[in-house]
Amino acid sequence: MKQLTEHTGASYKGKALKYAETVDTKPWNAFYERSAVISLLPSLTNANVLDAGCGSGW
């Protein structure tokens, strides 16, 4: 089994930061997927929410 190295962690961090910087401007996410998912949710006003998903956690 290959061990994770510092390089792997740095590579992931760089990709994760780039994703977080651009995710809101990509048409698929900004105008299609996110709006569809949000439309399925109940009102979350004054709610405590745990985001246990992946991505930028938007």
PDB file of N, CA and C in Angstrom:
ATOM      1  N   MET A   1       0.844  -1.179   0.000  1.00  0.00           N
ATOM      2  CA  MET A   1       0.000   0.000   0.000  1.00  0.00           C
ATOM      3  C   MET A   1       0.890   1.242   0.000  1.00  0.00           C
ATOM      4  N   LYS A   2       0.591   2.164  -0.889  1.00  0.00           N
ATOM      5  CA  LYS A   2       1.384   3.382  -0.994  1.00  0.00           C
ATOM      6  C   LYS A   2       1.026   4.342   0.141  1.00  0.00           C
ATOM      7  N   GLN A   3       2.037   4.863   0.794  1.00  0.00           N
ATOM      8  CA  GLN A   3       1.799   5.820   1.876  1.00  0.00           C
ATOM      9  C   GLN A   3       1.637   7.224   1.307  1.00  0.00           C
ATOM     10  N   LEU A   4       0.794   7.999   1.959  1.00  0.00           N
ATOM     11  CA  LEU A   4       0.660   9.400   1.577  1.00  0.00           C
ATOM     12  C   LEU A   4       1.917  10.146   1.999  1.00  0.00           C
ATOM     13  N   THR A   5       2.339  11.037   1.174  1.00  0.00           N
ATOM     14  CA  THR A   5       3.538  11.805   1.476  1.00  0.00           C
ATOM     15  C   THR A   5       3.182  13.278   1.603  1.00  0.00           C
ATOM     16  N   GLU A   6       4.137  14.040   2.054  1.00  0.00           N
ATOM     17  CA  GLU A   6       3.926  15.494   2.154  1.00  0.00           C
ATOM     18  C   GLU A   6       3.595  16.072   0.781  1.00  0.00           C
ATOM     19  N   HIS A   7       4.242  15.546  -0.266  1.00  0.00           N
ATOM     20  CA  HIS A   7       3.980  16.016  -1.622  1.00  0.00           C
ATOM     21  C   HIS A   7       2.511  15.785  -1.997  1.00  0.00           C
ATOM     22  N   THR A   8       1.985  14.613  -1.664  1.00  0.00           N
ATOM     23  CA  THR A   8       0.595  14.305  -1.972  1.00  0.00           C
ATOM     24  C   THR A   8      -0.337  15.279  -1.264  1.00  0.00           C
ATOM     25  N   GLY A   9      -0.049  15.563  -0.001  1.00  0.00           N
ATOM     26  CA  GLY A   9      -0.877  16.512   0.734  1.00  0.00           C
ATOM     27  C   GLY A   9      -0.814  17.901   0.143  1.00  0.00           C
ATOM     28  N   ALA A  10       0.370  18.323  -0.253  1.00  0.00           N
ATOM     29  CA  ALA A  10       0.524  19.644  -0.865  1.00  0.00           C
ATOM     30  C   ALA A  10      -0.198  19.692  -2.205  1.00  0.00           C
ATOM     31  N   SER A  11      -0.120  18.613  -2.960  1.00  0.00           N
ATOM     32  CA  SER A  11      -0.810  18.559  -4.256  1.00  0.00           C
ATOM     33  C   SER A  11      -2.316  18.676  -4.059  1.00  0.00           C
ATOM     34  N   TYR A  12      -2.841  17.933  -3.094  1.00  0.00           N
ATOM     35  CA  TYR A  12      -4.270  17.988  -2.814  1.00  0.00           C
ATOM     36  C   TYR A  12      -4.678  19.388  -2.380  1.00  0.00           C
ATOM     37  N   LYS A  13      -3.903  19.991  -1.491  1.00  0.00           N
ATOM     38  CA  LYS A  13      -4.245  21.322  -0.985  1.00  0.00           C
ATOM     39  C   LYS A  13      -4.303  22.334  -2.119  1.00  0.00           C
ATOM     40  N   GLY A  14      -3.342  22.265  -3.031  1.00  0.00           N
ATOM     41  CA  GLY A  14      -3.339  23.176  -4.171  1.00  0.00           C
ATOM     42  C   GLY A  14      -4.573  23.005  -5.040  1.00  0.00           C
ATOM     43  N   LYS A  15      -4.937  21.769  -5.314  1.00  0.00           N
ATOM     44  CA  LYS A  15      -6.128  21.497  -6.124  1.00  0.00           C
ATOM     45  C   LYS A  15      -7.399  21.924  -5.385  1.00  0.00           C
ATOM     46  N   ALA A  16      -7.444  21.667  -4.093  1.00  0.00           N
ATOM     47  CA  ALA A  16      -8.620  22.045  -3.304  1.00  0.00           C
ATOM     48  C   ALA A  16      -8.807  23.558  -3.263  1.00  0.00           C
ATOM     49  N   LEU A  17      -7.721  24.288  -3.115  1.00  0.00           N
ATOM     50  CA  LEU A  17      -7.814  25.752  -3.103  1.00  0.00           C
ATOM     51  C   LEU A  17      -8.281  26.288  -4.450  1.00  0.00           C
ATOM     52  N   LYS A  18      -7.755  25.722  -5.544  1.00  0.00           N
ATOM     53  CA  LYS A  18      -8.157  26.150  -6.885  1.00  0.00           C
ATOM     54  C   LYS A  18      -9.639  25.850  -7.105  1.00  0.00           C
ATOM     55  N   TYR A  19     -10.083  24.678  -6.671  1.00  0.00           N
ATOM     56  CA  TYR A  19     -11.497  24.314  -6.795  1.00  0.00           C
ATOM     57  C   TYR A  19     -12.373  25.311  -6.027  1.00  0.00           C
ATOM     58  N   ALA A  20     -12.004  25.601  -4.807  1.00  0.00           N
ATOM     59  CA  ALA A  20     -12.789  26.517  -3.973  1.00  0.00           C
ATOM     60  C   ALA A  20     -12.840  27.924  -4.590  1.00  0.00           C
ATOM     61  N   GLU A  21     -11.777  28.325  -5.252  1.00  0.00           N
ATOM     62  CA  GLU A  21     -11.738  29.652  -5.880  1.00  0.00           C
ATOM     63  C   GLU A  21     -12.634  29.737  -7.111  1.00  0.00           C
ATOM     64  N   THR A  22     -12.840  28.621  -7.798  1.00  0.00           N
ATOM     65  CA  THR A  22     -13.558  28.664  -9.080  1.00  0.00           C
ATOM     66  C   THR A  22     -14.923  27.988  -9.074  1.00  0.00           C
ATOM     67  N   VAL A  23     -15.267  27.259  -8.037  1.00  0.00           N
ATOM     68  CA  VAL A  23     -16.500  26.463  -8.048  1.00  0.00           C
ATOM     69  C   VAL A  23     -17.750  27.313  -8.265  1.00  0.00           C
ATOM     70  N   ASP A  24     -17.803  28.501  -7.739  1.00  0.00           N
ATOM     71  CA  ASP A  24     -19.002  29.333  -7.863  1.00  0.00           C
ATOM     72  C   ASP A  24     -19.174  29.961  -9.235  1.00  0.00           C
ATOM     73  N   THR A  25     -18.148  29.900 -10.079  1.00  0.00           N
ATOM     74  CA  THR A  25     -18.242  30.523 -11.394  1.00  0.00           C
ATOM     75  C   THR A  25     -18.416  29.520 -12.522  1.00  0.00           C
ATOM     76  N   LYS A  26     -18.353  28.246 -12.223  1.00  0.00           N
ATOM     77  CA  LYS A  26     -18.535  27.218 -13.251  1.00  0.00           C
ATOM     78  C   LYS A  26     -20.025  27.040 -13.512  1.00  0.00           C
ATOM     79  N   PRO A  27     -20.460  27.144 -14.773  1.00  0.00           N
ATOM     80  CA  PRO A  27     -21.895  27.101 -15.081  1.00  0.00           C
ATOM     81  C   PRO A  27     -22.618  25.880 -14.532  1.00  0.00           C
ATOM     82  N   TRP A  28     -22.009  24.692 -14.619  1.00  0.00           N
ATOM     83  CA  TRP A  28     -22.696  23.486 -14.155  1.00  0.00           C
ATOM     84  C   TRP A  28     -23.085  23.609 -12.692  1.00  0.00           C
ATOM     85  N   ASN A  29     -22.154  24.033 -11.869  1.00  0.00           N
ATOM     86  CA  ASN A  29     -22.421  24.119 -10.436  1.00  0.00           C
ATOM     87  C   ASN A  29     -23.226  25.365 -10.081  1.00  0.00           C
ATOM     88  N   ALA A  30     -22.819  26.500 -10.603  1.00  0.00           N
ATOM     89  CA  ALA A  30     -23.449  27.760 -10.209  1.00  0.00           C
ATOM     90  C   ALA A  30     -24.891  27.884 -10.688  1.00  0.00           C
ATOM     91  N   PHE A  31     -25.199  27.353 -11.872  1.00  0.00           N
ATOM     92  CA  PHE A  31     -26.521  27.594 -12.452  1.00  0.00           C
ATOM     93  C   PHE A  31     -27.404  26.365 -12.580  1.00  0.00           C
ATOM     94  N   TYR A  32     -26.842  25.166 -12.403  1.00  0.00           N
ATOM     95  CA  TYR A  32     -27.655  23.969 -12.605  1.00  0.00           C
ATOM     96  C   TYR A  32     -27.716  23.090 -11.361  1.00  0.00           C
ATOM     97  N   GLU A  33     -26.606  22.490 -11.006  1.00  0.00           N
ATOM     98  CA  GLU A  33     -26.604  21.530  -9.906  1.00  0.00           C
ATOM     99  C   GLU A  33     -26.965  22.163  -8.563  1.00  0.00           C
ATOM    100  N   ARG A  34     -26.277  23.246  -8.188  1.00  0.00           N
ATOM    101  CA  ARG A  34     -26.520  23.848  -6.869  1.00  0.00           C
ATOM    102  C   ARG A  34     -27.942  24.361  -6.741  1.00  0.00           C
ATOM    103  N   SER A  35     -28.433  25.060  -7.756  1.00  0.00           N
ATOM    104  CA  SER A  35     -29.793  25.603  -7.662  1.00  0.00           C
ATOM    105  C   SER A  35     -30.831  24.486  -7.583  1.00  0.00           C
ATOM    106  N   ALA A  36     -30.606  23.366  -8.265  1.00  0.00           N
ATOM    107  CA  ALA A  36     -31.536  22.237  -8.194  1.00  0.00           C
ATOM    108  C   ALA A  36     -31.542  21.616  -6.801  1.00  0.00           C
ATOM    109  N   VAL A  37     -30.367  21.428  -6.226  1.00  0.00           N
ATOM    110  CA  VAL A  37     -30.281  20.835  -4.889  1.00  0.00           C
ATOM    111  C   VAL A  37     -30.895  21.769  -3.849  1.00  0.00           C
ATOM    112  N   ILE A  38     -30.585  23.045  -3.921  1.00  0.00           N
ATOM    113  CA  ILE A  38     -31.125  24.014  -2.960  1.00  0.00           C
ATOM    114  C   ILE A  38     -32.650  24.053  -3.035  1.00  0.00           C
ATOM    115  N   SER A  39     -33.202  23.899  -4.226  1.00  0.00           N
ATOM    116  CA  SER A  39     -34.665  23.935  -4.363  1.00  0.00           C
ATOM    117  C   SER A  39     -35.343  22.765  -3.653  1.00  0.00           C
ATOM    118  N   LEU A  40     -34.598  21.703  -3.372  1.00  0.00           N
ATOM    119  CA  LEU A  40     -35.157  20.534  -2.689  1.00  0.00           C
ATOM    120  C   LEU A  40     -35.118  20.651  -1.169  1.00  0.00           C
ATOM    121  N   LEU A  41     -34.370  21.594  -0.649  1.00  0.00           N
ATOM    122  CA  LEU A  41     -34.196  21.725   0.793  1.00  0.00           C
ATOM    123  C   LEU A  41     -35.318  22.531   1.434  1.00  0.00           C
ATOM    124  N   PRO A  42     -35.648  22.213   2.675  1.00  0.00           N
ATOM    125  CA  PRO A  42     -36.584  23.067   3.412  1.00  0.00           C
ATOM    126  C   PRO A  42     -35.853  24.346   3.832  1.00  0.00           C
ATOM    127  N   SER A  43     -36.567  25.287   4.359  1.00  0.00           N
ATOM    128  CA  SER A  43     -35.934  26.499   4.866  1.00  0.00           C
ATOM    129  C   SER A  43     -34.959  26.142   5.988  1.00  0.00           C
ATOM    130  N   LEU A  44     -33.771  26.699   5.915  1.00  0.00           N
ATOM    131  CA  LEU A  44     -32.754  26.427   6.930  1.00  0.00           C
ATOM    132  C   LEU A  44     -32.462  27.658   7.778  1.00  0.00           C
ATOM    133  N   THR A  45     -33.355  28.625   7.736  1.00  0.00           N
ATOM    134  CA  THR A  45     -33.197  29.835   8.523  1.00  0.00           C
ATOM    135  C   THR A  45     -33.112  29.481  10.001  1.00  0.00           C
ATOM    136  N   ASN A  46     -32.114  29.982  10.676  1.00  0.00           N
ATOM    137  CA  ASN A  46     -31.860  29.742  12.105  1.00  0.00           C
ATOM    138  C   ASN A  46     -31.621  28.268  12.441  1.00  0.00           C
ATOM    139  N   ALA A  47     -31.184  27.489  11.459  1.00  0.00           N
ATOM    140  CA  ALA A  47     -30.916  26.070  11.704  1.00  0.00           C
ATOM    141  C   ALA A  47     -29.419  25.845  11.879  1.00  0.00           C
ATOM    142  N   ASN A  48     -29.068  24.826  12.625  1.00  0.00           N
ATOM    143  CA  ASN A  48     -27.679  24.371  12.712  1.00  0.00           C
ATOM    144  C   ASN A  48     -27.521  23.251  11.695  1.00  0.00           C
ATOM    145  N   VAL A  49     -26.543  23.396  10.807  1.00  0.00           N
ATOM    146  CA  VAL A  49     -26.365  22.433   9.729  1.00  0.00           C
ATOM    147  C   VAL A  49     -24.946  21.906   9.747  1.00  0.00           C
ATOM    148  N   LEU A  50     -24.801  20.590   9.637  1.00  0.00           N
ATOM    149  CA  LEU A  50     -23.487  19.968   9.511  1.00  0.00           C
ATOM    150  C   LEU A  50     -23.282  19.630   8.048  1.00  0.00           C
ATOM    151  N   ASP A  51     -22.288  20.226   7.425  1.00  0.00           N
ATOM    152  CA  ASP A  51     -21.929  19.916   6.040  1.00  0.00           C
ATOM    153  C   ASP A  51     -20.893  18.810   6.084  1.00  0.00           C
ATOM    154  N   ALA A  52     -21.327  17.590   5.876  1.00  0.00           N
ATOM    155  CA  ALA A  52     -20.421  16.438   5.928  1.00  0.00           C
ATOM    156  C   ALA A  52     -20.134  15.924   4.523  1.00  0.00           C
ATOM    157  N   GLY A  53     -20.264  16.799   3.546  1.00  0.00           N
ATOM    158  CA  GLY A  53     -20.020  16.416   2.161  1.00  0.00           C
ATOM    159  C   GLY A  53     -18.591  16.664   1.766  1.00  0.00           C
ATOM    160  N   CYS A  54     -18.411  16.873   0.500  1.00  0.00           N
ATOM    161  CA  CYS A  54     -17.067  17.109  -0.009  1.00  0.00           C
ATOM    162  C   CYS A  54     -17.051  18.437  -0.763  1.00  0.00           C
ATOM    163  N   GLY A  55     -15.909  18.795  -1.283  1.00  0.00           N
ATOM    164  CA  GLY A  55     -15.801  20.043  -2.023  1.00  0.00           C
ATOM    165  C   GLY A  55     -15.485  21.208  -1.102  1.00  0.00           C
ATOM    166  N   SER A  56     -15.913  22.370  -1.519  1.00  0.00           N
ATOM    167  CA  SER A  56     -15.563  23.585  -0.784  1.00  0.00           C
ATOM    168  C   SER A  56     -16.445  23.825   0.430  1.00  0.00           C
ATOM    169  N   GLY A  57     -17.494  23.048   0.571  1.00  0.00           N
ATOM    170  CA  GLY A  57     -18.383  23.225   1.729  1.00  0.00           C
ATOM    171  C   GLY A  57     -19.257  24.451   1.616  1.00  0.00           C
ATOM    172  N   TRP A  58     -19.461  24.895   0.423  1.00  0.00           N
ATOM    173  CA  TRP A  58     -20.285  26.078   0.193  1.00  0.00           C
ATOM    174  C   TRP A  58     -21.653  25.843   0.770  1.00  0.00           C
TER     175      TRP A  58
END
